[in-house]
Amino acid sequence: MTTVIIKINERTKAGKAFMAILSETFSNSADGVEIVETDSKKLIKEKSIYSPEFIAKIKKAEENIRQGKTTRLNPEDIWGSIL
């Protein structure tokens, strides 16, 4: 079995036409073809190249930024903004 992933923007005219052709051609009549619709965001999460520990650190840093628990550095005077 071969899996082919095609990204289709269903909001465009070409995307709508392509989806219509797929659904008409491979509805229930084709035994050897199965159409599986997935959300691209879920697919990206499943195949992350980053370790779970790194992702947790990034999410914690984003939360700290939202809560104002960060220190902003002045690129003109880095040592002055640290001290």
N, C-alpha and C. Protein backbone atom coordinates (compact mmCIF):
# COMPACT_ATOMS: atom_id res chain seq x y z
N MET A 1 0.84 -1.18 0.00
CA MET A 1 0.00 0.00 0.00
C MET A 1 0.88 1.24 0.00
N THR A 2 0.49 2.24 -0.74
CA THR A 2 1.20 3.50 -0.83
C THR A 2 0.30 4.61 -0.28
N THR A 3 0.88 5.50 0.51
CA THR A 3 0.15 6.64 1.04
C THR A 3 0.64 7.89 0.33
N VAL A 4 -0.31 8.68 -0.17
CA VAL A 4 0.01 9.93 -0.84
C VAL A 4 -0.68 11.05 -0.08
N ILE A 5 0.08 12.06 0.31
CA ILE A 5 -0.48 13.19 1.04
C ILE A 5 -0.55 14.38 0.10
N ILE A 6 -1.73 14.93 -0.06
CA ILE A 6 -1.95 16.09 -0.92
C ILE A 6 -2.59 17.17 -0.06
N LYS A 7 -1.99 18.35 -0.04
CA LYS A 7 -2.56 19.47 0.69
C LYS A 7 -3.47 20.25 -0.25
N ILE A 8 -4.72 20.41 0.14
CA ILE A 8 -5.70 21.09 -0.70
C ILE A 8 -6.32 22.23 0.10
N ASN A 9 -6.29 23.43 -0.47
CA ASN A 9 -6.98 24.56 0.13
C ASN A 9 -8.42 24.53 -0.38
N GLU A 10 -9.32 24.08 0.45
CA GLU A 10 -10.71 23.90 0.04
C GLU A 10 -11.45 25.22 -0.17
N ARG A 11 -10.82 26.33 0.18
CA ARG A 11 -11.48 27.64 -0.01
C ARG A 11 -11.27 28.20 -1.41
N THR A 12 -10.32 27.63 -2.14
CA THR A 12 -10.06 28.14 -3.48
C THR A 12 -10.91 27.40 -4.51
N LYS A 13 -11.05 27.99 -5.67
CA LYS A 13 -11.83 27.39 -6.74
C LYS A 13 -11.22 26.06 -7.19
N ALA A 14 -9.89 26.06 -7.33
CA ALA A 14 -9.21 24.84 -7.76
C ALA A 14 -9.32 23.75 -6.69
N GLY A 15 -9.23 24.13 -5.44
CA GLY A 15 -9.36 23.17 -4.35
C GLY A 15 -10.74 22.54 -4.30
N LYS A 16 -11.76 23.37 -4.48
CA LYS A 16 -13.13 22.84 -4.50
C LYS A 16 -13.33 21.90 -5.68
N ALA A 17 -12.80 22.26 -6.83
CA ALA A 17 -12.95 21.42 -8.02
C ALA A 17 -12.22 20.09 -7.83
N PHE A 18 -11.02 20.14 -7.26
CA PHE A 18 -10.24 18.92 -7.05
C PHE A 18 -10.95 17.99 -6.08
N MET A 19 -11.50 18.54 -5.00
CA MET A 19 -12.24 17.72 -4.03
C MET A 19 -13.48 17.11 -4.66
N ALA A 20 -14.16 17.86 -5.52
CA ALA A 20 -15.34 17.34 -6.20
C ALA A 20 -14.98 16.17 -7.11
N ILE A 21 -13.89 16.32 -7.84
CA ILE A 21 -13.44 15.25 -8.74
C ILE A 21 -13.07 14.00 -7.93
N LEU A 22 -12.36 14.20 -6.82
CA LEU A 22 -11.97 13.06 -5.99
C LEU A 22 -13.19 12.33 -5.44
N SER A 23 -14.13 13.09 -4.92
CA SER A 23 -15.29 12.46 -4.30
C SER A 23 -16.16 11.75 -5.34
N GLU A 24 -16.28 12.31 -6.54
CA GLU A 24 -17.07 11.66 -7.59
C GLU A 24 -16.37 10.41 -8.12
N THR A 25 -15.08 10.50 -8.32
CA THR A 25 -14.33 9.40 -8.92
C THR A 25 -14.15 8.23 -7.97
N PHE A 26 -13.81 8.53 -6.72
CA PHE A 26 -13.47 7.47 -5.77
C PHE A 26 -14.49 7.35 -4.65
N SER A 27 -15.75 7.58 -4.93
CA SER A 27 -16.76 7.53 -3.87
C SER A 27 -16.78 6.15 -3.21
N ASN A 28 -17.68 5.31 -3.54
CA ASN A 28 -17.74 3.98 -2.95
C ASN A 28 -17.46 2.90 -3.98
N SER A 29 -17.23 3.30 -5.21
CA SER A 29 -17.06 2.32 -6.27
C SER A 29 -15.65 1.75 -6.34
N ALA A 30 -14.66 2.46 -5.85
CA ALA A 30 -13.27 2.00 -5.96
C ALA A 30 -12.90 1.19 -4.72
N ASP A 31 -12.59 -0.09 -4.94
CA ASP A 31 -12.24 -0.96 -3.81
C ASP A 31 -10.82 -0.73 -3.31
N GLY A 32 -9.91 -0.37 -4.17
CA GLY A 32 -8.51 -0.26 -3.80
C GLY A 32 -8.08 1.12 -3.35
N VAL A 33 -9.01 2.08 -3.27
CA VAL A 33 -8.67 3.45 -2.91
C VAL A 33 -9.51 3.88 -1.73
N GLU A 34 -8.84 4.44 -0.73
CA GLU A 34 -9.54 4.96 0.44
C GLU A 34 -9.12 6.41 0.63
N ILE A 35 -10.07 7.31 0.77
CA ILE A 35 -9.79 8.73 1.00
C ILE A 35 -9.94 8.99 2.49
N VAL A 36 -8.86 9.47 3.11
CA VAL A 36 -8.85 9.78 4.53
C VAL A 36 -8.57 11.25 4.67
N GLU A 37 -9.51 11.99 5.25
CA GLU A 37 -9.32 13.42 5.44
C GLU A 37 -8.76 13.65 6.83
N THR A 38 -7.70 14.46 6.92
CA THR A 38 -7.09 14.80 8.20
C THR A 38 -6.87 16.30 8.27
N ASP A 39 -6.75 16.78 9.47
CA ASP A 39 -6.42 18.18 9.69
C ASP A 39 -4.90 18.31 9.64
N SER A 40 -4.40 19.24 8.84
CA SER A 40 -2.95 19.37 8.67
C SER A 40 -2.25 19.74 9.97
N LYS A 41 -2.92 20.44 10.87
CA LYS A 41 -2.30 20.80 12.15
C LYS A 41 -2.07 19.55 13.00
N LYS A 42 -3.02 18.62 12.96
CA LYS A 42 -2.84 17.38 13.71
C LYS A 42 -1.70 16.57 13.12
N LEU A 43 -1.57 16.56 11.82
CA LEU A 43 -0.51 15.82 11.15
C LEU A 43 0.85 16.37 11.54
N ILE A 44 0.96 17.68 11.64
CA ILE A 44 2.23 18.30 12.01
C ILE A 44 2.59 17.94 13.46
N LYS A 45 1.60 17.92 14.35
CA LYS A 45 1.87 17.58 15.74
C LYS A 45 2.38 16.15 15.86
N GLU A 46 1.82 15.25 15.08
CA GLU A 46 2.21 13.85 15.17
C GLU A 46 3.65 13.63 14.71
N LYS A 47 4.12 14.39 13.75
CA LYS A 47 5.44 14.17 13.19
C LYS A 47 6.41 15.27 13.59
N SER A 48 6.38 15.69 14.84
CA SER A 48 7.26 16.75 15.30
C SER A 48 8.70 16.25 15.38
N ILE A 49 9.63 17.07 14.93
CA ILE A 49 11.04 16.71 15.01
C ILE A 49 11.63 17.10 16.35
N TYR A 50 10.87 17.80 17.17
CA TYR A 50 11.36 18.29 18.45
C TYR A 50 11.01 17.32 19.57
N SER A 51 11.87 17.25 20.56
CA SER A 51 11.61 16.36 21.70
C SER A 51 10.50 16.96 22.56
N PRO A 52 9.76 16.12 23.27
CA PRO A 52 8.68 16.63 24.14
C PRO A 52 9.19 17.58 25.22
N GLU A 53 10.42 17.36 25.70
CA GLU A 53 10.99 18.24 26.73
C GLU A 53 11.20 19.64 26.18
N PHE A 54 11.70 19.73 24.94
CA PHE A 54 11.93 21.03 24.31
C PHE A 54 10.60 21.76 24.09
N ILE A 55 9.60 21.04 23.63
CA ILE A 55 8.29 21.64 23.40
C ILE A 55 7.71 22.17 24.71
N ALA A 56 7.88 21.41 25.80
CA ALA A 56 7.39 21.85 27.11
C ALA A 56 8.09 23.13 27.55
N LYS A 57 9.41 23.23 27.31
CA LYS A 57 10.15 24.44 27.67
C LYS A 57 9.65 25.65 26.89
N ILE A 58 9.41 25.47 25.61
CA ILE A 58 8.92 26.57 24.77
C ILE A 58 7.55 27.02 25.23
N LYS A 59 6.67 26.08 25.52
CA LYS A 59 5.32 26.44 25.99
C LYS A 59 5.38 27.16 27.32
N LYS A 60 6.28 26.73 28.21
CA LYS A 60 6.43 27.41 29.50
C LYS A 60 6.96 28.83 29.29
N ALA A 61 7.90 29.00 28.38
CA ALA A 61 8.42 30.34 28.10
C ALA A 61 7.33 31.24 27.53
N GLU A 62 6.50 30.70 26.64
CA GLU A 62 5.39 31.50 26.10
C GLU A 62 4.42 31.91 27.20
N GLU A 63 4.15 31.02 28.13
CA GLU A 63 3.26 31.35 29.24
C GLU A 63 3.89 32.42 30.13
N ASN A 64 5.18 32.32 30.38
CA ASN A 64 5.87 33.34 31.18
C ASN A 64 5.82 34.70 30.49
N ILE A 65 5.94 34.74 29.20
CA ILE A 65 5.85 36.00 28.45
C ILE A 65 4.45 36.59 28.61
N ARG A 66 3.43 35.75 28.48
CA ARG A 66 2.04 36.24 28.63
C ARG A 66 1.79 36.80 30.02
N GLN A 67 2.42 36.19 31.04
CA GLN A 67 2.20 36.62 32.42
C GLN A 67 3.15 37.75 32.84
N GLY A 68 4.05 38.16 31.96
CA GLY A 68 4.96 39.25 32.27
C GLY A 68 6.11 38.85 33.17
N LYS A 69 6.45 37.59 33.22
CA LYS A 69 7.54 37.11 34.08
C LYS A 69 8.87 37.03 33.34
N THR A 70 9.07 37.88 32.37
CA THR A 70 10.30 37.84 31.59
C THR A 70 11.05 39.16 31.72
N THR A 71 12.31 39.14 31.36
CA THR A 71 13.13 40.34 31.34
C THR A 71 13.47 40.66 29.90
N ARG A 72 13.19 41.87 29.50
CA ARG A 72 13.52 42.28 28.13
C ARG A 72 14.92 42.87 28.12
N LEU A 73 15.68 42.45 27.12
CA LEU A 73 17.05 42.96 26.98
C LEU A 73 17.09 44.06 25.94
N ASN A 74 17.85 45.09 26.25
CA ASN A 74 18.08 46.16 25.30
C ASN A 74 19.27 45.77 24.45
N PRO A 75 19.12 45.59 23.15
CA PRO A 75 20.25 45.15 22.32
C PRO A 75 21.38 46.18 22.27
N GLU A 76 21.08 47.43 22.57
CA GLU A 76 22.12 48.46 22.58
C GLU A 76 22.98 48.39 23.84
N ASP A 77 22.39 47.88 24.95
CA ASP A 77 23.11 47.82 26.23
C ASP A 77 22.69 46.53 26.94
N ILE A 78 23.21 45.40 26.47
CA ILE A 78 22.81 44.11 27.03
C ILE A 78 23.22 44.01 28.49
N TRP A 79 24.46 44.33 28.84
CA TRP A 79 24.91 44.21 30.22
C TRP A 79 24.14 45.15 31.14
N GLY A 80 23.83 46.30 30.65
CA GLY A 80 23.07 47.25 31.47
C GLY A 80 21.65 46.77 31.75
N SER A 81 21.04 46.09 30.79
CA SER A 81 19.68 45.61 31.00
C SER A 81 19.65 44.34 31.84
N ILE A 82 20.76 43.62 31.94
CA ILE A 82 20.82 42.42 32.78
C ILE A 82 21.04 42.82 34.23
N LEU A 83 21.94 43.78 34.47
CA LEU A 83 22.29 44.16 35.83
C LEU A 83 21.30 45.06 36.47
